[in-house]
Protein backbone atom coordinates (compact mmCIF):
# COMPACT_ATOMS: atom_id res chain seq x y z
CA MET A 1 87.47 107.13 134.27
CA GLY A 2 90.97 105.91 133.43
CA LYS A 3 93.44 107.45 131.06
CA HIS A 4 92.82 107.05 127.36
CA VAL A 5 95.16 105.18 125.03
CA GLN A 6 96.81 107.56 122.56
CA LEU A 7 97.02 105.82 119.21
CA ALA A 8 98.76 107.03 116.04
CA LEU A 9 98.08 105.09 112.84
CA ILE A 10 100.69 105.47 110.11
CA ALA A 11 100.15 104.25 106.55
CA LEU A 12 103.34 102.69 105.29
CA VAL A 13 104.48 102.96 101.69
CA PHE A 14 107.37 101.04 100.21
CA PHE A 15 108.73 102.97 97.24
CA ALA A 16 110.95 105.87 98.31
CA SER A 17 114.63 105.93 97.37
CA THR A 18 116.06 108.52 99.80
CA ALA A 19 115.27 109.57 103.35
CA GLY A 20 113.78 112.87 102.13
CA ALA A 21 111.69 111.13 99.48
CA CYS A 22 110.57 108.57 102.03
CA ARG A 23 109.42 111.26 104.47
CA ALA A 24 107.56 113.10 101.69
CA ALA A 25 105.91 109.88 100.51
CA GLN A 26 104.85 108.95 104.04
CA SER A 27 103.41 112.41 104.62
CA SER A 28 101.42 112.44 101.38
CA ARG A 29 100.06 108.93 101.96
CA ASN A 30 98.84 109.77 105.47
CA THR A 31 96.58 112.70 104.59
CA ASP A 32 92.83 112.24 105.10
CA ALA A 33 92.29 112.67 101.35
CA ALA A 34 94.78 109.92 100.46
CA ILE A 35 93.36 107.51 103.06
CA THR A 36 89.79 108.14 101.89
CA ALA A 37 90.73 107.79 98.21
CA ASN A 38 92.40 104.45 98.89
CA ALA A 39 89.34 103.20 100.83
CA SER A 40 86.89 104.22 98.11
CA TRP A 41 87.55 100.96 96.27
CA ASN A 42 85.34 99.25 98.89
CA SER A 43 82.23 100.91 97.48
CA VAL A 44 83.22 100.02 93.91
CA MET A 45 84.19 96.43 94.72
CA ASP A 46 81.03 95.91 96.78
CA GLY A 47 78.87 96.33 93.67
CA MET A 48 80.65 93.69 91.63
CA GLY A 49 78.77 90.45 91.03
CA ARG A 50 75.38 91.72 92.23
CA SER A 51 73.51 89.94 89.47
CA SER A 52 75.01 86.54 90.23
CA ASP A 53 76.90 85.70 93.39
CA TYR A 54 77.66 88.98 95.24
CA ALA A 55 81.38 88.25 94.94
CA GLY A 56 82.24 91.90 95.56
CA SER A 57 80.23 92.02 98.75
CA ALA A 58 81.84 88.79 99.95
CA TYR A 59 85.31 90.20 99.30
CA VAL A 60 84.59 93.52 101.04
CA SER A 61 83.03 91.77 104.04
CA GLN A 62 86.18 89.65 104.40
CA TRP A 63 88.26 92.84 104.25
CA TYR A 64 86.15 94.40 107.01
CA ALA A 65 86.48 91.23 109.09
CA ARG A 66 90.27 91.24 108.65
CA ASN A 67 90.43 94.82 109.91
CA CYS A 68 88.19 93.95 112.87
CA TYR A 69 90.67 91.23 113.84
CA ILE A 70 93.60 93.63 113.45
CA PHE A 71 91.84 96.19 115.66
CA SER A 72 91.01 93.53 118.25
CA ASN A 73 94.71 92.57 118.37
CA ILE A 74 95.65 96.23 118.89
CA LEU A 75 93.17 96.49 121.76
CA SER A 76 94.47 93.28 123.34
CA VAL A 77 97.97 94.72 123.83
CA THR A 78 97.09 98.27 124.92
CA HIS A 79 96.44 99.48 128.44
CA SER A 80 95.11 102.68 129.95
CA GLY A 81 97.63 105.50 129.52
CA ASP A 82 99.61 103.80 126.73
CA ARG A 83 100.99 105.72 123.77
CA VAL A 84 100.94 103.46 120.72
CA VAL A 85 102.14 103.73 117.13
CA VAL A 86 100.65 101.30 114.61
CA ILE A 87 102.27 101.03 111.19
CA MET A 88 100.02 99.36 108.63
CA GLY A 89 99.51 99.31 104.90
CA GLN A 90 97.47 102.23 103.61
CA GLY A 91 94.51 100.01 102.71
CA HIS A 92 93.88 99.32 106.40
CA GLU A 93 94.05 102.93 107.55
CA TYR A 94 90.50 104.08 106.79
CA LEU A 95 88.76 101.35 108.77
CA LEU A 96 91.28 101.37 111.62
CA ARG A 97 90.96 105.15 111.96
CA GLU A 98 87.18 104.78 112.11
CA PHE A 99 87.46 102.09 114.79
CA VAL A 100 89.75 104.35 116.84
CA ARG A 101 87.41 107.31 116.38
CA LEU A 102 84.41 105.27 117.57
CA ASN A 103 86.13 103.79 120.63
CA PRO A 104 85.76 106.06 123.69
CA ALA A 105 88.86 104.57 125.35
CA LEU A 106 91.13 105.69 122.50
CA VAL A 107 92.40 109.08 121.35
CA ALA A 108 93.60 109.34 117.75
CA ILE A 109 96.87 111.17 117.22
CA ASP A 110 97.53 112.74 113.81
CA PRO A 111 100.69 111.08 112.43
CA LEU A 112 101.38 114.06 110.15
CA THR A 113 102.41 116.02 113.23
CA TYR A 114 105.46 113.74 113.43
CA LEU A 115 105.95 112.81 109.78
CA ASN A 116 106.25 116.44 108.68
CA GLN A 117 109.08 117.26 111.12
């Protein structure tokens, strides 16, 4: 078996005014709790429009598809033994982390190890 790809996913936020504030914001936005809280809207949105046109389900399925394409693009540029950093908006993190966790060729690296330094 070849070497695994080491992949760190970092949720990017855009509102810090100083380097210290930026580092603190990045750290707080990359915790499991923050990522999960941001992703919880999927379950709320999915239920919208059930009685008529399932608009919520259509929207959430498009969001999942978009993240599948993003993950496919990540896989297309990685090779065995690579160390990769992916910087994405926080809304993408939950699904991308799940895709990494489920892929036996990838090893997830906790970005907080580096963001808290």
